[in-house]
Amino acid sequence: MYTSQDIFVVTGATSGIGKGVVFSLLKYGASVVAVGRNVEKLNLLKDETNNEKNLFLEEKDLSSCDGLDKWILNISKKYGKLKGLVLSAGIQQTTPISSVLSVEKSKELFEINYFSNIQLAKGFCDRRANVGKGSSIVFLSSIASIRGNSGIVGYAASKGAINSAVKSLAVEVARLGIRVNAVLPGFVMTEMIESWQEVYTKEYIENMNKSYPLGIGKVQDVVEPILFLLSDKAKWITGSELVVDGGGSL
């Protein structure tokens, strides 16, 4: 499907959906620049993939958006012509609007989930960037952006901002031959979910599973649609919001 000359940058690469994308791209022959903030987890990823030839590690903290456009621009020059960018790094917090910390928490959510990702996309779309025609950007959004739920006002808004930005950005960079789309996953069993047993109890997960017509998802259920949007099979798709939630938002 790909060759080592097809280079993709993946943020949030050491866990969850981002990690799944890394494994799948490598499996299909592509080269991957895996971005994470934890060196130990990056090295573990390298050991797990057992692919030193096509996997490149970049330690980067994305909690501040400052300079990220220039950073990704340099990444494009360092590794060669980029074919795609998967923006899966982000945070989720539950903070009721009544909390005295709600505004501060919302600012933190927007800094990482929105501004950092937009800055990375800005650098990728820079005319000076080494990016090929027909390249693709995929933002990881959430069905929280289209389905109301209590306690996640800031998180839902940060993801909703991504959805809106994707449409305008897709129009703006189409002339450069770059496609821009968002994937909106529902509840997916990731390593993070499994580790937060105090929040996501067995009973909670069972109830969520019952509420989804097709049951709650697995990481690969979201990875495959992302791979599709990255591929040339989706060459006439841009500015879209692809809901991948097993019917959970219906």
Protein backbone atom coordinates (compact mmCIF):
# COMPACT_ATOMS: atom_id res chain seq x y z
CA MET A 1 0.00 0.00 0.00
CA TYR A 2 2.85 2.40 0.86
CA THR A 3 6.62 2.61 0.49
CA SER A 4 9.21 3.98 2.89
CA GLN A 5 9.11 7.20 0.86
CA ASP A 6 5.56 7.80 2.12
CA ILE A 7 6.15 9.67 5.37
CA PHE A 8 3.44 10.40 7.95
CA VAL A 9 3.64 12.41 11.17
CA VAL A 10 1.49 11.11 14.03
CA THR A 11 1.02 12.97 17.32
CA GLY A 12 -0.19 11.22 20.44
CA ALA A 13 1.72 8.28 19.03
CA THR A 14 2.50 6.37 22.22
CA SER A 15 -1.01 5.35 23.24
CA GLY A 16 -4.56 4.75 22.14
CA ILE A 17 -5.68 5.62 18.63
CA GLY A 18 -2.44 7.39 17.72
CA LYS A 19 -0.44 4.30 18.60
CA GLY A 20 -2.80 2.17 16.53
CA VAL A 21 -2.27 4.45 13.53
CA VAL A 22 1.51 4.14 13.90
CA PHE A 23 1.37 0.34 13.94
CA SER A 24 -0.95 0.17 10.94
CA LEU A 25 1.03 2.63 8.80
CA LEU A 26 4.22 0.70 9.49
CA LYS A 27 2.44 -2.54 8.67
CA TYR A 28 1.48 -1.13 5.27
CA GLY A 29 5.05 -0.10 4.51
CA ALA A 30 5.02 3.63 5.27
CA SER A 31 7.53 5.59 7.31
CA VAL A 32 6.25 7.24 10.48
CA VAL A 33 7.48 10.15 12.57
CA ALA A 34 5.99 9.32 15.97
CA VAL A 35 5.54 12.33 18.24
CA GLY A 36 5.16 12.03 22.02
CA ARG A 37 6.15 13.89 25.15
CA ASN A 38 7.44 10.87 27.10
CA VAL A 39 10.81 9.48 26.02
CA GLU A 40 10.30 6.18 27.82
CA LYS A 41 7.00 5.59 26.06
CA LEU A 42 8.54 6.51 22.72
CA ASN A 43 11.35 4.01 23.25
CA LEU A 44 8.80 1.39 24.28
CA LEU A 45 6.90 2.08 21.06
CA LYS A 46 10.12 1.52 19.13
CA ASP A 47 10.66 -1.81 20.89
CA GLU A 48 7.07 -2.90 20.30
CA THR A 49 7.05 -2.06 16.60
CA ASN A 50 10.50 -3.59 16.05
CA ASN A 51 10.91 -1.37 12.99
CA GLU A 52 14.00 0.81 13.30
CA LYS A 53 14.14 1.42 9.56
CA ASN A 54 10.80 3.17 9.10
CA LEU A 55 10.01 4.54 12.57
CA PHE A 56 11.41 7.88 13.72
CA LEU A 57 10.88 9.25 17.21
CA GLU A 58 10.34 12.89 18.13
CA GLU A 59 9.97 14.01 21.73
CA LYS A 60 7.74 17.09 21.87
CA ASP A 61 5.44 18.55 24.51
CA LEU A 62 2.34 19.89 22.76
CA SER A 63 0.78 21.45 25.87
CA SER A 64 1.81 24.89 24.57
CA CYS A 65 1.12 25.97 21.00
CA ASP A 66 4.06 28.39 20.86
CA GLY A 67 6.35 27.68 17.94
CA LEU A 68 4.68 24.45 16.84
CA ASP A 69 4.18 25.73 13.30
CA LYS A 70 7.92 26.30 12.92
CA TRP A 71 8.65 22.95 14.58
CA ILE A 72 6.56 20.93 12.12
CA LEU A 73 8.03 22.95 9.27
CA ASN A 74 11.49 21.81 10.38
CA ILE A 75 10.24 18.22 10.71
CA SER A 76 9.21 18.29 7.06
CA LYS A 77 12.69 19.38 6.05
CA LYS A 78 14.40 16.89 8.37
CA TYR A 79 12.71 13.69 7.20
CA GLY A 80 11.67 14.40 3.63
CA LYS A 81 8.43 15.01 1.79
CA LEU A 82 5.46 14.41 4.08
CA LYS A 83 2.35 12.61 2.88
CA GLY A 84 0.14 13.03 5.92
CA LEU A 85 -0.38 14.40 9.41
CA VAL A 86 -2.51 12.70 12.06
CA LEU A 87 -3.35 14.96 15.00
CA SER A 88 -4.42 12.57 17.74
CA ALA A 89 -2.77 14.24 20.74
CA GLY A 90 -5.24 15.76 23.17
CA ILE A 91 -6.63 15.68 26.68
CA GLN A 92 -10.03 15.05 28.21
CA GLN A 93 -11.23 16.50 31.49
CA THR A 94 -14.53 16.37 33.31
CA THR A 95 -15.21 19.73 34.92
CA PRO A 96 -18.77 20.87 35.75
CA ILE A 97 -19.55 24.41 34.66
CA SER A 98 -20.25 25.23 38.33
CA SER A 99 -16.62 24.51 39.26
CA VAL A 100 -14.47 27.52 40.10
CA LEU A 101 -11.84 25.96 37.85
CA SER A 102 -14.10 25.56 34.82
CA VAL A 103 -12.68 28.53 32.88
CA GLU A 104 -9.05 27.64 33.62
CA LYS A 105 -9.64 24.02 32.67
CA SER A 106 -11.33 25.12 29.46
CA LYS A 107 -8.34 27.27 28.56
CA GLU A 108 -6.06 24.28 29.10
CA LEU A 109 -8.27 22.08 26.93
CA PHE A 110 -8.33 24.64 24.13
CA GLU A 111 -4.56 25.17 24.28
CA ILE A 112 -3.87 21.48 23.62
CA ASN A 113 -6.93 20.22 21.76
CA TYR A 114 -7.38 23.24 19.50
CA PHE A 115 -4.53 25.76 19.35
CA SER A 116 -1.65 23.27 19.35
CA ASN A 117 -3.27 21.20 16.62
CA ILE A 118 -4.06 24.27 14.53
CA GLN A 119 -0.47 25.46 14.82
CA LEU A 120 0.78 22.07 13.66
CA ALA A 121 -1.61 22.17 10.71
CA LYS A 122 -0.44 25.72 9.94
CA GLY A 123 3.18 24.59 9.71
CA PHE A 124 2.24 21.56 7.60
CA CYS A 125 0.40 23.83 5.14
CA ASP A 126 3.21 26.40 4.96
CA ARG A 127 4.36 26.85 1.36
CA ARG A 128 7.93 26.31 2.57
CA ALA A 129 7.08 22.91 4.06
CA ASN A 130 8.25 19.79 2.29
CA VAL A 131 4.76 18.41 1.76
CA GLY A 132 3.57 16.52 -1.29
CA LYS A 133 0.54 17.23 -3.45
CA GLY A 134 -2.37 15.05 -2.42
CA SER A 135 -1.27 15.00 1.22
CA SER A 136 -3.80 14.71 4.02
CA ILE A 137 -4.40 16.08 7.51
CA VAL A 138 -6.67 14.14 9.86
CA PHE A 139 -7.78 15.73 13.12
CA LEU A 140 -9.05 13.51 15.92
CA SER A 141 -12.24 15.12 17.21
CA SER A 142 -14.99 13.43 19.25
CA ILE A 143 -18.72 12.79 19.20
CA ALA A 144 -18.73 14.95 22.33
CA SER A 145 -18.62 17.84 19.84
CA ILE A 146 -22.04 16.91 18.43
CA ARG A 147 -23.69 15.12 21.35
CA GLY A 148 -24.39 16.93 24.61
CA ASN A 149 -23.25 15.53 27.94
CA SER A 150 -22.84 17.03 31.38
CA GLY A 151 -19.45 17.94 32.81
CA ILE A 152 -17.62 18.28 29.50
CA VAL A 153 -18.51 21.79 28.32
CA GLY A 154 -14.86 22.77 27.81
CA TYR A 155 -13.86 19.50 26.18
CA ALA A 156 -16.86 19.44 23.85
CA ALA A 157 -16.27 23.06 22.83
CA SER A 158 -12.58 22.41 22.08
CA LYS A 159 -13.52 19.53 19.79
CA GLY A 160 -16.37 21.51 18.23
CA ALA A 161 -13.86 24.24 17.39
CA ILE A 162 -11.81 21.65 15.53
CA ASN A 163 -14.83 20.60 13.48
CA SER A 164 -15.47 24.18 12.41
CA ALA A 165 -11.82 24.86 11.67
CA VAL A 166 -11.56 21.76 9.49
CA LYS A 167 -14.19 23.07 7.07
CA SER A 168 -12.58 26.48 6.58
CA LEU A 169 -9.04 25.08 6.51
CA ALA A 170 -10.06 22.53 3.88
CA VAL A 171 -11.23 25.32 1.59
CA GLU A 172 -8.16 27.46 2.26
CA VAL A 173 -5.52 24.82 1.52
CA ALA A 174 -7.25 22.91 -1.27
CA ARG A 175 -5.28 24.97 -3.79
CA LEU A 176 -2.11 23.54 -2.25
CA GLY A 177 -3.33 19.99 -2.89
CA ILE A 178 -3.85 19.30 0.83
CA ARG A 179 -7.00 17.61 2.15
CA VAL A 180 -8.28 18.21 5.69
CA ASN A 181 -10.79 16.03 7.55
CA ALA A 182 -11.84 15.13 11.08
CA VAL A 183 -12.72 11.79 12.62
CA LEU A 184 -15.24 11.85 15.49
CA PRO A 185 -14.88 8.67 17.56
CA GLY A 186 -17.33 7.51 20.16
CA PHE A 187 -16.41 5.61 23.32
CA VAL A 188 -13.39 3.45 22.52
CA MET A 189 -11.59 0.99 24.78
CA THR A 190 -8.08 2.40 25.00
CA GLU A 191 -5.24 1.86 27.45
CA MET A 192 -6.23 5.09 29.20
CA ILE A 193 -9.82 3.93 29.71
CA GLU A 194 -8.67 0.58 31.04
CA SER A 195 -6.26 2.25 33.50
CA TRP A 196 -8.89 4.64 34.92
CA GLN A 197 -10.87 1.97 36.72
CA GLU A 198 -12.05 4.38 39.43
CA VAL A 199 -13.83 6.47 36.77
CA TYR A 200 -14.58 3.87 34.13
CA THR A 201 -15.83 1.04 36.29
CA LYS A 202 -16.90 -2.31 34.91
CA GLU A 203 -20.53 -1.31 35.44
CA TYR A 204 -20.00 2.00 33.63
CA ILE A 205 -18.43 0.28 30.62
CA GLU A 206 -21.21 -2.32 30.50
CA ASN A 207 -23.84 0.43 30.49
CA MET A 208 -21.98 2.31 27.74
CA ASN A 209 -21.79 -0.87 25.70
CA LYS A 210 -25.56 -1.31 25.95
CA SER A 211 -26.19 2.31 24.93
CA TYR A 212 -24.27 1.93 21.65
CA PRO A 213 -26.27 0.10 18.94
CA LEU A 214 -23.10 -1.67 17.75
CA GLY A 215 -21.43 -1.73 21.15
CA ILE A 216 -18.44 0.35 22.24
CA GLY A 217 -15.49 0.41 19.90
CA LYS A 218 -11.94 -0.86 19.78
CA VAL A 219 -8.94 1.21 18.73
CA GLN A 220 -8.72 -0.42 15.31
CA ASP A 221 -12.34 0.53 14.60
CA VAL A 222 -11.18 4.15 14.51
CA VAL A 223 -7.75 3.53 13.00
CA GLU A 224 -9.12 2.09 9.76
CA PRO A 225 -11.25 5.17 8.87
CA ILE A 226 -8.22 7.38 9.61
CA LEU A 227 -6.11 5.28 7.24
CA PHE A 228 -8.81 5.65 4.60
CA LEU A 229 -8.79 9.46 4.89
CA LEU A 230 -5.00 9.47 4.64
CA SER A 231 -5.05 7.35 1.49
CA ASP A 232 -5.55 8.28 -2.14
CA LYS A 233 -8.87 6.42 -2.00
CA ALA A 234 -10.20 9.52 -0.23
CA LYS A 235 -8.70 11.96 -2.74
CA TRP A 236 -12.09 13.62 -3.33
CA ILE A 237 -12.96 13.97 0.36
CA THR A 238 -12.09 17.12 2.28
CA GLY A 239 -13.72 19.26 4.96
CA SER A 240 -15.68 16.28 6.28
CA GLU A 241 -16.55 15.10 9.78
CA LEU A 242 -16.52 11.32 9.79
CA VAL A 243 -18.49 9.98 12.75
CA VAL A 244 -17.14 6.62 13.92
CA ASP A 245 -19.15 5.64 16.97
CA GLY A 246 -21.10 2.44 16.43
CA GLY A 247 -24.30 4.48 16.30
CA GLY A 248 -23.67 6.02 19.72
CA SER A 249 -24.68 9.52 18.62
CA LEU A 250 -27.98 8.42 17.08
